[in-house]
């Protein structure tokens, strides 16, 4: 149900969506077990980076993934895009 995550920026949002769905359908009493399972689905260099953090919940982990693996767009980038579309 939860696909592996290898640290690819293009896959992070799909991984987050899959895990969010899993947390929506699971019994709340089993959330800590599911979180441990999700951590086992991390592979490659991402596993090393995550092992050095002290994340205890899916929400904390999700924020970490978004901050680390999603592309950051600056204000200059958005301004440039706005001027290009004119």
N, C-alpha and C. Protein backbone atom coordinates (compact mmCIF):
# COMPACT_ATOMS: atom_id res chain seq x y z
N UNK A 1 0.82 -1.19 0.00
CA UNK A 1 0.00 0.00 0.00
C UNK A 1 0.87 1.27 0.00
N UNK A 2 1.96 1.27 0.74
CA UNK A 2 2.87 2.41 0.76
C UNK A 2 4.07 2.06 -0.10
N UNK A 3 4.24 2.81 -1.16
CA UNK A 3 5.35 2.54 -2.07
C UNK A 3 6.66 3.02 -1.45
N UNK A 4 7.78 2.42 -1.82
CA UNK A 4 9.07 2.86 -1.28
C UNK A 4 9.43 4.27 -1.75
N UNK A 5 10.19 4.97 -0.95
CA UNK A 5 10.68 6.30 -1.30
C UNK A 5 12.20 6.25 -1.31
N UNK A 6 12.80 6.64 -2.43
CA UNK A 6 14.24 6.55 -2.60
C UNK A 6 14.93 7.91 -2.57
N UNK A 7 14.19 8.96 -2.24
CA UNK A 7 14.79 10.28 -2.15
C UNK A 7 14.68 11.11 -3.41
N UNK A 8 13.92 10.63 -4.38
CA UNK A 8 13.73 11.38 -5.63
C UNK A 8 12.73 12.52 -5.38
N UNK A 9 13.14 13.72 -5.74
CA UNK A 9 12.27 14.88 -5.53
C UNK A 9 10.94 14.75 -6.27
N UNK A 10 10.97 14.11 -7.43
CA UNK A 10 9.73 14.00 -8.21
C UNK A 10 8.75 13.01 -7.58
N UNK A 11 9.21 12.16 -6.67
CA UNK A 11 8.35 11.15 -6.07
C UNK A 11 7.85 11.50 -4.68
N UNK A 12 8.35 12.57 -4.08
CA UNK A 12 8.03 12.86 -2.69
C UNK A 12 6.55 13.16 -2.48
N UNK A 13 5.93 13.91 -3.37
CA UNK A 13 4.51 14.25 -3.17
C UNK A 13 3.61 13.03 -3.33
N UNK A 14 3.96 12.14 -4.24
CA UNK A 14 3.19 10.89 -4.40
C UNK A 14 3.34 10.02 -3.15
N UNK A 15 4.55 9.95 -2.62
CA UNK A 15 4.79 9.17 -1.40
C UNK A 15 3.97 9.74 -0.25
N UNK A 16 4.00 11.05 -0.09
CA UNK A 16 3.24 11.69 0.99
C UNK A 16 1.74 11.42 0.83
N UNK A 17 1.23 11.50 -0.38
CA UNK A 17 -0.19 11.24 -0.63
C UNK A 17 -0.54 9.79 -0.29
N UNK A 18 0.32 8.85 -0.65
CA UNK A 18 0.06 7.44 -0.33
C UNK A 18 0.02 7.22 1.18
N UNK A 19 0.96 7.81 1.88
CA UNK A 19 1.00 7.62 3.34
C UNK A 19 -0.18 8.32 4.00
N UNK A 20 -0.54 9.51 3.52
CA UNK A 20 -1.73 10.20 4.06
C UNK A 20 -2.96 9.32 3.92
N UNK A 21 -3.11 8.69 2.77
CA UNK A 21 -4.25 7.80 2.54
C UNK A 21 -4.23 6.63 3.51
N UNK A 22 -3.07 6.06 3.73
CA UNK A 22 -2.95 4.95 4.67
C UNK A 22 -3.34 5.38 6.08
N UNK A 23 -2.93 6.57 6.49
CA UNK A 23 -3.29 7.05 7.82
C UNK A 23 -4.78 7.36 7.93
N UNK A 24 -5.42 7.71 6.84
CA UNK A 24 -6.85 7.99 6.87
C UNK A 24 -7.68 6.73 7.09
N UNK A 25 -7.21 5.61 6.58
CA UNK A 25 -8.01 4.38 6.65
C UNK A 25 -7.65 3.47 7.82
N UNK A 26 -6.56 3.76 8.50
CA UNK A 26 -6.13 2.88 9.59
C UNK A 26 -6.79 3.27 10.90
N UNK A 27 -6.96 2.30 11.75
CA UNK A 27 -7.48 2.54 13.10
C UNK A 27 -6.49 3.42 13.85
N UNK A 28 -6.94 4.50 14.46
CA UNK A 28 -6.02 5.42 15.15
C UNK A 28 -5.14 4.74 16.20
N UNK A 29 -5.58 3.63 16.74
CA UNK A 29 -4.77 2.91 17.73
C UNK A 29 -3.51 2.30 17.10
N UNK A 30 -3.52 2.14 15.77
CA UNK A 30 -2.39 1.51 15.08
C UNK A 30 -1.49 2.51 14.35
N UNK A 31 -1.67 3.80 14.61
CA UNK A 31 -0.90 4.81 13.90
C UNK A 31 0.61 4.72 14.17
N UNK A 32 0.99 4.41 15.39
CA UNK A 32 2.43 4.32 15.68
C UNK A 32 3.05 3.14 14.94
N UNK A 33 2.32 2.05 14.80
CA UNK A 33 2.82 0.90 14.05
C UNK A 33 2.94 1.24 12.57
N UNK A 34 1.94 1.92 12.03
CA UNK A 34 2.00 2.33 10.63
C UNK A 34 3.17 3.28 10.40
N UNK A 35 3.40 4.20 11.32
CA UNK A 35 4.52 5.13 11.18
C UNK A 35 5.85 4.38 11.13
N UNK A 36 6.01 3.38 11.97
CA UNK A 36 7.23 2.57 11.95
C UNK A 36 7.37 1.85 10.61
N UNK A 37 6.25 1.36 10.07
CA UNK A 37 6.27 0.70 8.77
C UNK A 37 6.67 1.69 7.68
N UNK A 38 6.12 2.90 7.73
CA UNK A 38 6.44 3.93 6.74
C UNK A 38 7.94 4.21 6.74
N UNK A 39 8.53 4.27 7.91
CA UNK A 39 9.97 4.51 8.00
C UNK A 39 10.77 3.40 7.33
N UNK A 40 10.25 2.19 7.32
CA UNK A 40 10.96 1.09 6.66
C UNK A 40 10.87 1.19 5.15
N UNK A 41 9.97 2.01 4.62
CA UNK A 41 9.79 2.17 3.18
C UNK A 41 10.74 3.21 2.60
N UNK A 42 11.59 3.80 3.44
CA UNK A 42 12.56 4.78 3.00
C UNK A 42 13.85 4.04 2.64
N UNK A 43 14.38 4.32 1.46
CA UNK A 43 15.58 3.63 0.99
C UNK A 43 16.66 4.62 0.60
N UNK A 44 17.86 4.11 0.40
CA UNK A 44 18.97 4.89 -0.14
C UNK A 44 19.49 5.93 0.84
N UNK A 45 20.01 7.01 0.27
CA UNK A 45 20.59 8.08 1.07
C UNK A 45 19.55 8.74 1.97
N UNK A 46 18.30 8.70 1.56
CA UNK A 46 17.24 9.29 2.37
C UNK A 46 17.15 8.61 3.72
N UNK A 47 17.36 7.31 3.73
CA UNK A 47 17.29 6.55 4.99
C UNK A 47 18.35 7.04 5.97
N UNK A 48 19.54 7.33 5.47
CA UNK A 48 20.61 7.83 6.32
C UNK A 48 20.26 9.20 6.88
N UNK A 49 19.73 10.07 6.04
CA UNK A 49 19.36 11.42 6.48
C UNK A 49 18.25 11.37 7.53
N UNK A 50 17.29 10.50 7.32
CA UNK A 50 16.15 10.41 8.24
C UNK A 50 16.56 9.75 9.55
N UNK A 51 17.49 8.82 9.49
CA UNK A 51 17.96 8.14 10.70
C UNK A 51 18.59 9.11 11.69
N UNK A 52 19.10 10.22 11.19
CA UNK A 52 19.76 11.21 12.04
C UNK A 52 18.78 12.21 12.65
N UNK A 53 17.52 12.10 12.29
CA UNK A 53 16.51 13.01 12.85
C UNK A 53 15.80 12.32 14.01
N UNK A 54 15.06 13.08 14.75
CA UNK A 54 14.32 12.55 15.89
C UNK A 54 12.83 12.78 15.67
N UNK A 55 12.31 12.28 14.57
CA UNK A 55 10.91 12.48 14.22
C UNK A 55 10.07 11.35 14.82
N UNK A 56 8.96 11.72 15.46
CA UNK A 56 8.18 10.72 16.16
C UNK A 56 6.77 10.54 15.62
N UNK A 57 6.31 11.43 14.74
CA UNK A 57 4.95 11.30 14.19
C UNK A 57 5.00 11.48 12.68
N UNK A 58 3.93 11.06 12.03
CA UNK A 58 3.84 11.21 10.59
C UNK A 58 3.81 12.69 10.21
N UNK A 59 3.13 13.51 10.97
CA UNK A 59 3.05 14.94 10.65
C UNK A 59 4.44 15.58 10.68
N UNK A 60 5.25 15.24 11.68
CA UNK A 60 6.61 15.77 11.74
C UNK A 60 7.43 15.27 10.55
N UNK A 61 7.27 13.99 10.25
CA UNK A 61 8.02 13.39 9.16
C UNK A 61 7.60 13.98 7.82
N UNK A 62 6.30 14.21 7.66
CA UNK A 62 5.79 14.80 6.42
C UNK A 62 6.38 16.20 6.20
N UNK A 63 6.44 16.99 7.25
CA UNK A 63 7.03 18.33 7.15
C UNK A 63 8.51 18.24 6.79
N UNK A 64 9.21 17.27 7.39
CA UNK A 64 10.62 17.06 7.08
C UNK A 64 10.79 16.73 5.60
N UNK A 65 9.96 15.83 5.08
CA UNK A 65 10.04 15.45 3.66
C UNK A 65 9.77 16.64 2.76
N UNK A 66 8.73 17.41 3.08
CA UNK A 66 8.40 18.57 2.26
C UNK A 66 9.54 19.60 2.27
N UNK A 67 10.09 19.85 3.44
CA UNK A 67 11.17 20.83 3.55
C UNK A 67 12.45 20.36 2.89
N UNK A 68 12.69 19.07 2.89
CA UNK A 68 13.94 18.53 2.39
C UNK A 68 13.89 18.18 0.91
N UNK A 69 12.76 17.64 0.44
CA UNK A 69 12.73 17.07 -0.90
C UNK A 69 11.85 17.80 -1.91
N UNK A 70 11.07 18.76 -1.49
CA UNK A 70 10.29 19.50 -2.48
C UNK A 70 11.09 20.69 -2.96
N UNK A 71 10.79 21.07 -4.17
CA UNK A 71 11.52 22.17 -4.79
C UNK A 71 11.06 23.49 -4.20
N UNK A 72 12.01 24.30 -3.81
CA UNK A 72 11.71 25.60 -3.24
C UNK A 72 11.72 26.65 -4.34
N UNK A 73 10.70 27.43 -4.41
CA UNK A 73 10.61 28.50 -5.41
C UNK A 73 10.72 29.84 -4.70
N UNK A 74 11.62 30.68 -5.19
CA UNK A 74 11.83 31.99 -4.58
C UNK A 74 10.83 33.00 -5.13
N UNK A 75 10.76 34.14 -4.48
CA UNK A 75 9.91 35.23 -4.94
C UNK A 75 10.35 35.70 -6.32
N UNK A 76 11.66 35.72 -6.55
CA UNK A 76 12.18 36.11 -7.86
C UNK A 76 11.71 35.15 -8.95
N UNK A 77 11.68 33.87 -8.64
CA UNK A 77 11.21 32.88 -9.61
C UNK A 77 9.76 33.16 -10.00
N UNK A 78 8.93 33.40 -8.99
CA UNK A 78 7.51 33.65 -9.27
C UNK A 78 7.31 34.96 -10.04
N UNK A 79 8.07 35.97 -9.71
CA UNK A 79 7.99 37.25 -10.42
C UNK A 79 8.40 37.04 -11.88
N UNK A 80 9.46 36.28 -12.09
CA UNK A 80 9.92 36.00 -13.44
C UNK A 80 8.85 35.24 -14.23
N UNK A 81 8.23 34.27 -13.61
CA UNK A 81 7.16 33.50 -14.28
C UNK A 81 6.00 34.41 -14.65
N UNK A 82 5.68 35.35 -13.77
CA UNK A 82 4.59 36.29 -14.02
C UNK A 82 4.90 37.16 -15.24
N UNK A 83 6.13 37.66 -15.31
CA UNK A 83 6.51 38.51 -16.43
C UNK A 83 6.60 37.73 -17.73
N UNK A 84 7.00 36.49 -17.66
CA UNK A 84 7.10 35.65 -18.86
C UNK A 84 5.71 35.37 -19.46
N UNK A 85 4.72 35.19 -18.59
CA UNK A 85 3.38 34.85 -19.09
C UNK A 85 2.66 36.03 -19.71
N UNK A 86 3.14 37.25 -19.50
CA UNK A 86 2.51 38.43 -20.11
C UNK A 86 2.61 38.39 -21.55
